[in-house]
Protein backbone atom coordinates (compact mmCIF):
# COMPACT_ATOMS: atom_id res chain seq x y z
CA MET A 1 142.70 57.03 -3.12
CA SER A 2 145.07 54.75 -4.99
CA THR A 3 148.70 55.50 -5.71
CA MET A 4 149.57 56.95 -9.10
CA LYS A 5 151.62 54.75 -11.40
CA ILE A 6 152.99 57.74 -13.33
CA LYS A 7 155.12 60.36 -11.61
CA LYS A 8 156.50 63.78 -12.46
CA GLY A 9 159.58 63.44 -14.68
CA ASP A 10 158.53 60.14 -16.29
CA THR A 11 158.63 59.81 -20.07
CA VAL A 12 155.23 58.74 -21.41
CA LYS A 13 153.58 57.93 -24.73
CA VAL A 14 150.03 59.07 -25.58
CA ILE A 15 147.93 56.09 -26.67
CA THR A 16 144.66 57.82 -27.67
CA GLY A 17 143.42 61.22 -28.77
CA LYS A 18 144.68 63.91 -31.11
CA ASP A 19 148.30 63.49 -29.94
CA LYS A 20 148.33 59.69 -30.34
CA ASP A 21 151.82 58.09 -30.63
CA LYS A 22 153.60 61.24 -29.42
CA GLU A 23 156.02 61.11 -26.50
CA GLY A 24 156.95 63.61 -23.83
CA LYS A 25 158.03 64.22 -20.25
CA VAL A 26 155.44 64.60 -17.47
CA ILE A 27 155.46 68.12 -16.00
CA VAL A 28 152.61 67.87 -13.46
CA VAL A 29 150.50 65.03 -12.06
CA ASN A 30 147.06 65.96 -10.71
CA LYS A 31 145.93 63.16 -8.36
CA LYS A 32 142.55 64.77 -7.71
CA ASN A 33 141.44 64.75 -11.37
CA ASN A 34 143.62 61.81 -12.54
CA THR A 35 145.28 63.97 -15.20
CA VAL A 36 148.83 64.75 -16.29
CA LEU A 37 150.46 67.63 -18.16
CA VAL A 38 152.95 66.39 -20.75
CA GLU A 39 155.62 68.70 -22.13
CA GLY A 40 154.69 69.92 -25.64
CA LEU A 41 151.52 67.82 -25.98
CA ASN A 42 147.79 68.69 -26.03
CA MET A 43 148.60 72.37 -26.65
CA ILE A 44 145.71 74.76 -26.03
CA LYS A 45 145.23 78.47 -26.60
CA LYS A 46 144.38 80.55 -23.56
CA HIS A 47 143.17 84.13 -23.90
CA THR A 48 144.62 86.37 -21.16
CA LYS A 49 143.69 89.87 -20.09
CA PRO A 50 146.39 92.50 -19.65
CA SER A 51 147.80 92.45 -16.10
CA MET A 52 150.82 93.73 -14.20
CA SER A 53 152.87 90.65 -15.13
CA ASN A 54 151.65 90.51 -18.75
CA GLN A 55 151.17 94.09 -20.00
CA ASN A 56 149.76 93.23 -23.43
CA GLY A 57 147.62 90.18 -22.65
CA GLY A 58 146.78 88.18 -25.75
CA ILE A 59 146.77 84.51 -26.66
CA VAL A 60 149.04 82.12 -24.73
CA HIS A 61 149.87 78.57 -25.89
CA GLN A 62 150.16 76.07 -23.05
CA GLU A 63 149.82 72.37 -22.30
CA GLY A 64 146.38 71.03 -21.48
CA PRO A 65 145.61 68.14 -19.14
CA ILE A 66 145.51 64.57 -20.50
CA ASP A 67 143.68 61.81 -18.62
CA ILE A 68 146.16 59.44 -17.02
CA SER A 69 144.46 56.45 -18.66
CA ASN A 70 145.44 57.84 -22.08
CA VAL A 71 149.20 57.69 -21.47
CA MET A 72 151.62 54.79 -20.96
CA TYR A 73 155.01 54.77 -19.27
CA LEU A 74 157.98 54.36 -21.64
CA HIS A 75 160.59 51.84 -20.48
CA LYS A 76 163.65 51.58 -22.74
CA GLY A 77 161.72 53.22 -25.59
CA LYS A 78 158.70 50.89 -25.44
CA PRO A 79 155.35 51.57 -23.75
CA THR A 80 154.63 49.29 -20.82
CA ARG A 81 152.21 48.91 -17.96
CA VAL A 82 153.45 49.70 -14.47
CA GLY A 83 152.98 47.64 -11.32
CA PHE A 84 154.11 47.71 -7.73
CA LYS A 85 156.01 45.04 -5.81
CA MET A 86 157.84 44.78 -2.53
CA ASP A 87 161.64 44.80 -2.72
CA GLY A 88 162.60 43.90 0.83
CA ASP A 89 160.87 46.56 2.91
CA LYS A 90 160.49 49.04 0.04
CA LYS A 91 157.57 49.31 -2.37
CA VAL A 92 158.95 49.87 -5.88
CA ARG A 93 157.43 50.41 -9.31
CA PHE A 94 158.32 47.90 -12.01
CA ALA A 95 157.75 47.56 -15.75
CA LYS A 96 155.39 44.66 -16.37
CA SER A 97 156.86 43.92 -19.81
CA THR A 98 160.38 43.23 -18.49
CA GLY A 99 159.89 42.85 -14.74
CA GLU A 100 162.66 45.38 -14.04
CA ALA A 101 162.36 47.92 -11.24
CA ILE A 102 161.86 51.50 -12.43
CA ASP A 103 162.96 53.39 -9.33
């Protein structure tokens, strides 16, 4: 299993699909399915039954998963590809457009 180039908390831009050109912050990264949940994007309606926590039930709006190949990391406001390089003994992510280390 390869390492994920996008992490929780990153700001990303959607490059394909119904939310194309929209930006948001990554909430959850699912390594198993190669998907991400982005704050406020790919909103879906989920029908819930009444339960102890939700007395009325009803329709809930929540974020749906987006395939990780459909989003790009935003570095200084511009979408860029992400790579890995060794910085001394540490493996760091870097923006391929500028060559700067991300974290």
